[in-house]
Amino acid sequence: AAATEAARAAATTARVNVEINLGGITSDPVRAELAAAT
C-alpha cells in the first residue's frame, strides 16, 4: 500500500508539472502526446 500511495503521489504531482508547461509548447503533436500522458 505504501508503494502504491507513493506511486499515486508521483503520478499526480508529475501531472501538474506536465500541465504547467503545455501552454508554452508550440508543437501541436507534442502537446497532444504530453496531454495523453496525463
Full PDB file with SEQRES, HELIX, SHEET, SSBOND, CRYST1, ORIGX, SCALE, CONECT and MASTER records, all heavy atoms in Angstrom:
SEQRES   1 A   38  ALA ALA ALA THR GLU ALA ALA ARG ALA ALA ALA THR THR          
SEQRES   2 A   38  ALA ARG VAL ASN VAL GLU ILE ASN LEU GLY GLY ILE THR          
SEQRES   3 A   38  SER ASP PRO VAL ARG ALA GLU LEU ALA ALA ALA THR              
HELIX    1 AA1 ALA A    2  LEU A   22  1                                  21    
HELIX    2 AA2 ASP A   28  ALA A   37  1                                  10    
CRYST1    1.000    1.000    1.000  90.00  90.00  90.00 P 1           1          
ORIGX1      1.000000  0.000000  0.000000        0.00000                         
ORIGX2      0.000000  1.000000  0.000000        0.00000                         
ORIGX3      0.000000  0.000000  1.000000        0.00000                         
SCALE1      1.000000  0.000000  0.000000        0.00000                         
SCALE2      0.000000  1.000000  0.000000        0.00000                         
SCALE3      0.000000  0.000000  1.000000        0.00000                         
ATOM      1  N   ALA A   1       0.830  -1.206   0.000  1.00  0.00           N  
ATOM      2  CA  ALA A   1       0.000   0.000   0.000  1.00  0.00           C  
ATOM      3  C   ALA A   1       0.863   1.255   0.000  1.00  0.00           C  
ATOM      4  O   ALA A   1       0.574   2.225  -0.717  1.00  0.00           O  
ATOM      5  CB  ALA A   1      -0.937   0.003   1.210  1.00  0.00           C  
ATOM      6  N   ALA A   2       1.920   1.248   0.797  1.00  0.00           N  
ATOM      7  CA  ALA A   2       2.813   2.410   0.830  1.00  0.00           C  
ATOM      8  C   ALA A   2       3.416   2.670  -0.543  1.00  0.00           C  
ATOM      9  O   ALA A   2       3.556   3.828  -0.971  1.00  0.00           O  
ATOM     10  CB  ALA A   2       3.913   2.195   1.868  1.00  0.00           C  
ATOM     11  N   ALA A   3       3.767   1.591  -1.245  1.00  0.00           N  
ATOM     12  CA  ALA A   3       4.335   1.739  -2.583  1.00  0.00           C  
ATOM     13  C   ALA A   3       3.333   2.367  -3.537  1.00  0.00           C  
ATOM     14  O   ALA A   3       3.672   3.271  -4.312  1.00  0.00           O  
ATOM     15  CB  ALA A   3       4.797   0.378  -3.113  1.00  0.00           C  
ATOM     16  N   THR A   4       2.088   1.883  -3.495  1.00  0.00           N  
ATOM     17  CA  THR A   4       1.101   2.429  -4.430  1.00  0.00           C  
ATOM     18  C   THR A   4       0.730   3.861  -4.071  1.00  0.00           C  
ATOM     19  O   THR A   4       0.466   4.674  -4.966  1.00  0.00           O  
ATOM     20  CB  THR A   4      -0.164   1.559  -4.491  1.00  0.00           C  
ATOM     21  OG1 THR A   4      -0.715   1.411  -3.187  1.00  0.00           O  
ATOM     22  CG2 THR A   4       0.136   0.200  -5.074  1.00  0.00           C  
ATOM     23  N   GLU A   5       0.710   4.190  -2.785  1.00  0.00           N  
ATOM     24  CA  GLU A   5       0.430   5.581  -2.405  1.00  0.00           C  
ATOM     25  C   GLU A   5       1.548   6.506  -2.850  1.00  0.00           C  
ATOM     26  O   GLU A   5       1.300   7.634  -3.299  1.00  0.00           O  
ATOM     27  CB  GLU A   5       0.204   5.684  -0.896  1.00  0.00           C  
ATOM     28  CG  GLU A   5      -1.077   5.034  -0.408  1.00  0.00           C  
ATOM     29  CD  GLU A   5      -2.325   5.650  -1.029  1.00  0.00           C  
ATOM     30  OE1 GLU A   5      -2.348   6.865  -1.294  1.00  0.00           O  
ATOM     31  OE2 GLU A   5      -3.290   4.899  -1.259  1.00  0.00           O  
ATOM     32  N   ALA A   6       2.792   6.034  -2.748  1.00  0.00           N  
ATOM     33  CA  ALA A   6       3.908   6.841  -3.245  1.00  0.00           C  
ATOM     34  C   ALA A   6       3.835   6.979  -4.761  1.00  0.00           C  
ATOM     35  O   ALA A   6       4.124   8.052  -5.320  1.00  0.00           O  
ATOM     36  CB  ALA A   6       5.242   6.210  -2.832  1.00  0.00           C  
ATOM     37  N   ALA A   7       3.435   5.902  -5.439  1.00  0.00           N  
ATOM     38  CA  ALA A   7       3.285   5.969  -6.893  1.00  0.00           C  
ATOM     39  C   ALA A   7       2.148   6.918  -7.279  1.00  0.00           C  
ATOM     40  O   ALA A   7       2.253   7.648  -8.269  1.00  0.00           O  
ATOM     41  CB  ALA A   7       3.020   4.576  -7.454  1.00  0.00           C  
ATOM     42  N   ARG A   8       1.076   6.887  -6.511  1.00  0.00           N  
ATOM     43  CA  ARG A   8      -0.021   7.822  -6.783  1.00  0.00           C  
ATOM     44  C   ARG A   8       0.457   9.266  -6.623  1.00  0.00           C  
ATOM     45  O   ARG A   8       0.154  10.129  -7.470  1.00  0.00           O  
ATOM     46  CB  ARG A   8      -1.198   7.563  -5.850  1.00  0.00           C  
ATOM     47  CG  ARG A   8      -2.241   8.671  -5.921  1.00  0.00           C  
ATOM     48  CD  ARG A   8      -3.602   8.293  -5.416  1.00  0.00           C  
ATOM     49  NE  ARG A   8      -3.674   7.750  -4.082  1.00  0.00           N  
ATOM     50  CZ  ARG A   8      -4.843   7.495  -3.477  1.00  0.00           C  
ATOM     51  NH1 ARG A   8      -5.998   7.746  -4.077  1.00  0.00           N  
ATOM     52  NH2 ARG A   8      -4.863   6.976  -2.251  1.00  0.00           N  
ATOM     53  N   ALA A   9       1.193   9.542  -5.553  1.00  0.00           N  
ATOM     54  CA  ALA A   9       1.732  10.893  -5.356  1.00  0.00           C  
ATOM     55  C   ALA A   9       2.655  11.282  -6.508  1.00  0.00           C  
ATOM     56  O   ALA A   9       2.641  12.432  -6.969  1.00  0.00           O  
ATOM     57  CB  ALA A   9       2.473  10.975  -4.027  1.00  0.00           C  
ATOM     58  N   ALA A  10       3.449  10.326  -6.967  1.00  0.00           N  
ATOM     59  CA  ALA A  10       4.343  10.596  -8.100  1.00  0.00           C  
ATOM     60  C   ALA A  10       3.546  10.998  -9.330  1.00  0.00           C  
ATOM     61  O   ALA A  10       3.864  11.986 -10.003  1.00  0.00           O  
ATOM     62  CB  ALA A  10       5.190   9.362  -8.406  1.00  0.00           C  
ATOM     63  N   ALA A  11       2.494  10.237  -9.627  1.00  0.00           N  
ATOM     64  CA  ALA A  11       1.716  10.494 -10.841  1.00  0.00           C  
ATOM     65  C   ALA A  11       0.955  11.806 -10.774  1.00  0.00           C  
ATOM     66  O   ALA A  11       0.946  12.583 -11.736  1.00  0.00           O  
ATOM     67  CB  ALA A  11       0.753   9.334 -11.092  1.00  0.00           C  
ATOM     68  N   THR A  12       0.318  12.081  -9.651  1.00  0.00           N  
ATOM     69  CA  THR A  12      -0.483  13.306  -9.556  1.00  0.00           C  
ATOM     70  C   THR A  12       0.399  14.550  -9.493  1.00  0.00           C  
ATOM     71  O   THR A  12       0.046  15.596 -10.052  1.00  0.00           O  
ATOM     72  CB  THR A  12      -1.424  13.260  -8.343  1.00  0.00           C  
ATOM     73  OG1 THR A  12      -0.663  13.021  -7.150  1.00  0.00           O  
ATOM     74  CG2 THR A  12      -2.469  12.170  -8.510  1.00  0.00           C  
ATOM     75  N   THR A  13       1.557  14.419  -8.851  1.00  0.00           N  
ATOM     76  CA  THR A  13       2.492  15.547  -8.814  1.00  0.00           C  
ATOM     77  C   THR A  13       3.104  15.774 -10.189  1.00  0.00           C  
ATOM     78  O   THR A  13       3.237  16.916 -10.647  1.00  0.00           O  
ATOM     79  CB  THR A  13       3.602  15.286  -7.784  1.00  0.00           C  
ATOM     80  OG1 THR A  13       3.012  15.043  -6.513  1.00  0.00           O  
ATOM     81  CG2 THR A  13       4.542  16.477  -7.677  1.00  0.00           C  
ATOM     82  N   ALA A  14       3.475  14.692 -10.851  1.00  0.00           N  
ATOM     83  CA  ALA A  14       4.054  14.824 -12.188  1.00  0.00           C  
ATOM     84  C   ALA A  14       3.054  15.424 -13.162  1.00  0.00           C  
ATOM     85  O   ALA A  14       3.428  16.208 -14.044  1.00  0.00           O  
ATOM     86  CB  ALA A  14       4.520  13.460 -12.685  1.00  0.00           C  
ATOM     87  N   ARG A  15       1.780  15.077 -13.016  1.00  0.00           N  
ATOM     88  CA  ARG A  15       0.765  15.603 -13.939  1.00  0.00           C  
ATOM     89  C   ARG A  15       0.742  17.125 -13.950  1.00  0.00           C  
ATOM     90  O   ARG A  15       0.744  17.733 -15.026  1.00  0.00           O  
ATOM     91  CB  ARG A  15      -0.620  15.068 -13.563  1.00  0.00           C  
ATOM     92  CG  ARG A  15      -1.743  15.698 -14.390  1.00  0.00           C  
ATOM     93  CD  ARG A  15      -3.074  15.000 -14.150  1.00  0.00           C  
ATOM     94  NE  ARG A  15      -3.475  15.003 -12.754  1.00  0.00           N  
ATOM     95  CZ  ARG A  15      -4.549  14.362 -12.294  1.00  0.00           C  
ATOM     96  NH1 ARG A  15      -5.318  13.656 -13.109  1.00  0.00           N  
ATOM     97  NH2 ARG A  15      -4.851  14.408 -11.005  1.00  0.00           N  
ATOM     98  N   VAL A  16       0.746  17.749 -12.786  1.00  0.00           N  
ATOM     99  CA  VAL A  16       0.693  19.215 -12.777  1.00  0.00           C  
ATOM    100  C   VAL A  16       1.974  19.816 -13.332  1.00  0.00           C  
ATOM    101  O   VAL A  16       1.954  20.921 -13.888  1.00  0.00           O  
ATOM    102  CB  VAL A  16       0.381  19.779 -11.370  1.00  0.00           C  
ATOM    103  CG1 VAL A  16      -1.013  19.370 -10.934  1.00  0.00           C  
ATOM    104  CG2 VAL A  16       1.417  19.360 -10.340  1.00  0.00           C  
ATOM    105  N   ASN A  17       3.076  19.073 -13.206  1.00  0.00           N  
ATOM    106  CA  ASN A  17       4.337  19.574 -13.759  1.00  0.00           C  
ATOM    107  C   ASN A  17       4.397  19.434 -15.271  1.00  0.00           C  
ATOM    108  O   ASN A  17       5.146  20.167 -15.929  1.00  0.00           O  
ATOM    109  CB  ASN A  17       5.515  18.865 -13.091  1.00  0.00           C  
ATOM    110  CG  ASN A  17       5.823  19.445 -11.733  1.00  0.00           C  
ATOM    111  OD1 ASN A  17       6.541  20.439 -11.616  1.00  0.00           O  
ATOM    112  ND2 ASN A  17       5.254  18.858 -10.689  1.00  0.00           N  
ATOM    113  N   VAL A  18       3.638  18.507 -15.820  1.00  0.00           N  
ATOM    114  CA  VAL A  18       3.460  18.476 -17.273  1.00  0.00           C  
ATOM    115  C   VAL A  18       2.548  19.613 -17.701  1.00  0.00           C  
ATOM    116  O   VAL A  18       2.852  20.382 -18.624  1.00  0.00           O  
ATOM    117  CB  VAL A  18       2.876  17.121 -17.734  1.00  0.00           C  
ATOM    118  CG1 VAL A  18       2.544  17.180 -19.230  1.00  0.00           C  
ATOM    119  CG2 VAL A  18       3.843  15.984 -17.457  1.00  0.00           C  
ATOM    120  N   GLU A  19       1.419  19.737 -17.019  1.00  0.00           N  
ATOM    121  CA  GLU A  19       0.397  20.696 -17.428  1.00  0.00           C  
ATOM    122  C   GLU A  19       0.881  22.140 -17.393  1.00  0.00           C  
ATOM    123  O   GLU A  19       0.482  22.946 -18.246  1.00  0.00           O  
ATOM    124  CB  GLU A  19      -0.842  20.527 -16.555  1.00  0.00           C  
ATOM    125  CG  GLU A  19      -1.561  19.203 -16.798  1.00  0.00           C  
ATOM    126  CD  GLU A  19      -2.681  18.926 -15.821  1.00  0.00           C  
ATOM    127  OE1 GLU A  19      -2.694  19.541 -14.724  1.00  0.00           O  
ATOM    128  OE2 GLU A  19      -3.554  18.103 -16.143  1.00  0.00           O  
ATOM    129  N   ILE A  20       1.747  22.473 -16.433  1.00  0.00           N  
ATOM    130  CA  ILE A  20       2.213  23.858 -16.327  1.00  0.00           C  
ATOM    131  C   ILE A  20       3.045  24.268 -17.542  1.00  0.00           C  
ATOM    132  O   ILE A  20       3.138  25.451 -17.880  1.00  0.00           O  
ATOM    133  CB  ILE A  20       3.027  24.066 -15.032  1.00  0.00           C  
ATOM    134  CG1 ILE A  20       3.309  25.555 -14.777  1.00  0.00           C  
ATOM    135  CG2 ILE A  20       4.335  23.285 -15.073  1.00  0.00           C  
ATOM    136  CD1 ILE A  20       2.091  26.393 -14.564  1.00  0.00           C  
ATOM    137  N   ASN A  21       3.615  23.269 -18.224  1.00  0.00           N  
ATOM    138  CA  ASN A  21       4.456  23.561 -19.381  1.00  0.00           C  
ATOM    139  C   ASN A  21       3.707  23.537 -20.710  1.00  0.00           C  
ATOM    140  O   ASN A  21       4.224  24.032 -21.718  1.00  0.00           O  
ATOM    141  CB  ASN A  21       5.617  22.564 -19.441  1.00  0.00           C  
ATOM    142  CG  ASN A  21       6.591  22.734 -18.289  1.00  0.00           C  
ATOM    143  OD1 ASN A  21       7.186  23.791 -18.120  1.00  0.00           O  
ATOM    144  ND2 ASN A  21       6.741  21.696 -17.493  1.00  0.00           N  
ATOM    145  N   LEU A  22       2.518  22.961 -20.733  1.00  0.00           N  
ATOM    146  CA  LEU A  22       1.819  22.755 -22.005  1.00  0.00           C  
ATOM    147  C   LEU A  22       1.513  24.055 -22.729  1.00  0.00           C  
ATOM    148  O   LEU A  22       1.594  24.124 -23.958  1.00  0.00           O  
ATOM    149  CB  LEU A  22       0.519  21.978 -21.773  1.00  0.00           C  
ATOM    150  CG  LEU A  22       0.662  20.484 -21.477  1.00  0.00           C  
ATOM    151  CD1 LEU A  22      -0.713  19.867 -21.251  1.00  0.00           C  
ATOM    152  CD2 LEU A  22       1.380  19.770 -22.604  1.00  0.00           C  
ATOM    153  N   GLY A  23       1.149  25.096 -21.976  1.00  0.00           N  
ATOM    154  CA  GLY A  23       0.737  26.349 -22.604  1.00  0.00           C  
ATOM    155  C   GLY A  23       1.810  26.996 -23.456  1.00  0.00           C  
ATOM    156  O   GLY A  23       1.494  27.706 -24.419  1.00  0.00           O  
ATOM    157  N   GLY A  24       3.070  26.746 -23.131  1.00  0.00           N  
ATOM    158  CA  GLY A  24       4.150  27.384 -23.878  1.00  0.00           C  
ATOM    159  C   GLY A  24       4.737  26.524 -24.977  1.00  0.00           C  
ATOM    160  O   GLY A  24       5.672  26.953 -25.656  1.00  0.00           O  
ATOM    161  N   ILE A  25       4.217  25.313 -25.152  1.00  0.00           N  
ATOM    162  CA  ILE A  25       4.728  24.413 -26.194  1.00  0.00           C  
ATOM    163  C   ILE A  25       3.969  24.675 -27.483  1.00  0.00           C  
ATOM    164  O   ILE A  25       2.744  24.631 -27.516  1.00  0.00           O  
ATOM    165  CB  ILE A  25       4.588  22.941 -25.753  1.00  0.00           C  
ATOM    166  CG1 ILE A  25       5.466  22.690 -24.527  1.00  0.00           C  
ATOM    167  CG2 ILE A  25       4.977  21.995 -26.886  1.00  0.00           C  
ATOM    168  CD1 ILE A  25       5.287  21.327 -23.897  1.00  0.00           C  
ATOM    169  N   THR A  26       4.696  24.952 -28.548  1.00  0.00           N  
ATOM    170  CA  THR A  26       4.062  25.382 -29.798  1.00  0.00           C  
ATOM    171  C   THR A  26       3.720  24.229 -30.739  1.00  0.00           C  
ATOM    172  O   THR A  26       2.919  24.403 -31.651  1.00  0.00           O  
ATOM    173  CB  THR A  26       4.981  26.376 -30.526  1.00  0.00           C  
ATOM    174  OG1 THR A  26       6.269  25.772 -30.726  1.00  0.00           O  
ATOM    175  CG2 THR A  26       5.151  27.646 -29.706  1.00  0.00           C  
ATOM    176  N   SER A  27       4.309  23.072 -30.535  1.00  0.00           N  
ATOM    177  CA  SER A  27       4.058  21.936 -31.417  1.00  0.00           C  
ATOM    178  C   SER A  27       2.779  21.214 -30.991  1.00  0.00           C  
ATOM    179  O   SER A  27       2.705  20.674 -29.881  1.00  0.00           O  
ATOM    180  CB  SER A  27       5.235  20.956 -31.373  1.00  0.00           C  
ATOM    181  OG  SER A  27       4.899  19.739 -31.996  1.00  0.00           O  
ATOM    182  N   ASP A  28       1.790  21.192 -31.878  1.00  0.00           N  
ATOM    183  CA  ASP A  28       0.531  20.514 -31.557  1.00  0.00           C  
ATOM    184  C   ASP A  28       0.721  19.021 -31.309  1.00  0.00           C  
ATOM    185  O   ASP A  28       0.134  18.469 -30.373  1.00  0.00           O  
ATOM    186  CB  ASP A  28      -0.498  20.749 -32.662  1.00  0.00           C  
ATOM    187  CG  ASP A  28      -1.015  22.181 -32.679  1.00  0.00           C  
ATOM    188  OD1 ASP A  28      -0.924  22.865 -31.629  1.00  0.00           O  
ATOM    189  OD2 ASP A  28      -1.517  22.609 -33.730  1.00  0.00           O  
ATOM    190  N   PRO A  29       1.519  18.315 -32.138  1.00  0.00           N  
ATOM    191  CA  PRO A  29       1.722  16.881 -31.854  1.00  0.00           C  
ATOM    192  C   PRO A  29       2.369  16.633 -30.492  1.00  0.00           C  
ATOM    193  O   PRO A  29       2.001  15.683 -29.790  1.00  0.00           O  
ATOM    194  CB  PRO A  29       2.631  16.421 -32.996  1.00  0.00           C  
ATOM    195  CG  PRO A  29       2.374  17.389 -34.100  1.00  0.00           C  
ATOM    196  CD  PRO A  29       2.132  18.694 -33.421  1.00  0.00           C  
ATOM    197  N   VAL A  30       3.320  17.479 -30.120  1.00  0.00           N  
ATOM    198  CA  VAL A  30       3.972  17.300 -28.822  1.00  0.00           C  
ATOM    199  C   VAL A  30       2.986  17.575 -27.698  1.00  0.00           C  
ATOM    200  O   VAL A  30       2.921  16.838 -26.699  1.00  0.00           O  
ATOM    201  CB  VAL A  30       5.203  18.214 -28.707  1.00  0.00           C  
ATOM    202  CG1 VAL A  30       5.755  18.210 -27.280  1.00  0.00           C  
ATOM    203  CG2 VAL A  30       6.284  17.774 -29.685  1.00  0.00           C  
ATOM    204  N   ARG A  31       2.201  18.633 -27.853  1.00  0.00           N  
ATOM    205  CA  ARG A  31       1.181  18.939 -26.833  1.00  0.00           C  
ATOM    206  C   ARG A  31       0.214  17.774 -26.678  1.00  0.00           C  
ATOM    207  O   ARG A  31      -0.146  17.389 -25.559  1.00  0.00           O  
ATOM    208  CB  ARG A  31       0.404  20.212 -27.221  1.00  0.00           C  
ATOM    209  CG  ARG A  31       1.161  21.509 -26.976  1.00  0.00           C  
ATOM    210  CD  ARG A  31       0.413  22.703 -27.584  1.00  0.00           C  
ATOM    211  NE  ARG A  31      -0.959  22.760 -27.093  1.00  0.00           N  
ATOM    212  CZ  ARG A  31      -1.337  23.364 -25.960  1.00  0.00           C  
ATOM    213  NH1 ARG A  31      -0.413  23.930 -25.202  1.00  0.00           N  
ATOM    214  NH2 ARG A  31      -2.588  23.397 -25.594  1.00  0.00           N  
ATOM    215  N   ALA A  32      -0.217  17.200 -27.792  1.00  0.00           N  
ATOM    216  CA  ALA A  32      -1.156  16.078 -27.738  1.00  0.00           C  
ATOM    217  C   ALA A  32      -0.518  14.870 -27.062  1.00  0.00           C  
ATOM    218  O   ALA A  32      -1.162  14.170 -26.260  1.00  0.00           O  
ATOM    219  CB  ALA A  32      -1.616  15.727 -29.145  1.00  0.00           C  
ATOM    220  N   GLU A  33       0.738  14.611 -27.383  1.00  0.00           N  
ATOM    221  CA  GLU A  33       1.450  13.483 -26.776  1.00  0.00           C  
ATOM    222  C   GLU A  33       1.550  13.640 -25.265  1.00  0.00           C  
ATOM    223  O   GLU A  33       1.300  12.696 -24.498  1.00  0.00           O  
ATOM    224  CB  GLU A  33       2.847  13.390 -27.389  1.00  0.00           C  
ATOM    225  CG  GLU A  33       3.746  12.341 -26.757  1.00  0.00           C  
ATOM    226  CD  GLU A  33       5.192  12.480 -27.179  1.00  0.00           C  
ATOM    227  OE1 GLU A  33       5.478  13.223 -28.149  1.00  0.00           O  
ATOM    228  OE2 GLU A  33       6.051  11.850 -26.536  1.00  0.00           O  
ATOM    229  N   LEU A  34       1.916  14.846 -24.835  1.00  0.00           N  
ATOM    230  CA  LEU A  34       2.085  15.083 -23.405  1.00  0.00           C  
ATOM    231  C   LEU A  34       0.743  15.085 -22.680  1.00  0.00           C  
ATOM    232  O   LEU A  34       0.634  14.587 -21.549  1.00  0.00           O  
ATOM    233  CB  LEU A  34       2.817  16.406 -23.183  1.00  0.00           C  
ATOM    234  CG  LEU A  34       4.283  16.412 -23.642  1.00  0.00           C  
ATOM    235  CD1 LEU A  34       4.837  17.823 -23.642  1.00  0.00           C  
ATOM    236  CD2 LEU A  34       5.128  15.499 -22.756  1.00  0.00           C  
ATOM    237  N   ALA A  35      -0.278  15.643 -23.319  1.00  0.00           N  
ATOM    238  CA  ALA A  35      -1.608  15.625 -22.712  1.00  0.00           C  
ATOM    239  C   ALA A  35      -2.101  14.194 -22.544  1.00  0.00           C  
ATOM    240  O   ALA A  35      -2.745  13.853 -21.540  1.00  0.00           O  
ATOM    241  CB  ALA A  35      -2.585  16.435 -23.558  1.00  0.00           C  
ATOM    242  N   ALA A  36      -1.787  13.348 -23.514  1.00  0.00           N  
ATOM    243  CA  ALA A  36      -2.186  11.946 -23.421  1.00  0.00           C  
ATOM    244  C   ALA A  36      -1.512  11.258 -22.240  1.00  0.00           C  
ATOM    245  O   ALA A  36      -2.103  10.376 -21.595  1.00  0.00           O  
ATOM    246  CB  ALA A  36      -1.852  11.220 -24.718  1.00  0.00           C  
ATOM    247  N   ALA A  37      -0.285  11.660 -21.943  1.00  0.00           N  
ATOM    248  CA  ALA A  37       0.430  11.059 -20.812  1.00  0.00           C  
ATOM    249  C   ALA A  37      -0.250  11.373 -19.490  1.00  0.00           C  
ATOM    250  O   ALA A  37      -0.211  10.564 -18.555  1.00  0.00           O  
ATOM    251  CB  ALA A  37       1.880  11.559 -20.791  1.00  0.00           C  
ATOM    252  N   THR A  38      -0.869  12.537 -19.411  1.00  0.00           N  
ATOM    253  CA  THR A  38      -1.545  12.925 -18.164  1.00  0.00           C  
ATOM    254  C   THR A  38      -2.958  12.361 -18.070  1.00  0.00           C  
ATOM    255  O   THR A  38      -3.524  12.318 -16.976  1.00  0.00           O  
ATOM    256  CB  THR A  38      -1.634  14.454 -18.031  1.00  0.00           C  
ATOM    257  OG1 THR A  38      -2.508  14.985 -19.037  1.00  0.00           O  
ATOM    258  CG2 THR A  38      -0.258  15.102 -18.164  1.00  0.00           C  
TER     259      THR A  38                                                      
MASTER        0    0    0    2    0    0    0    6  258    1    0    3          
END                                                                             
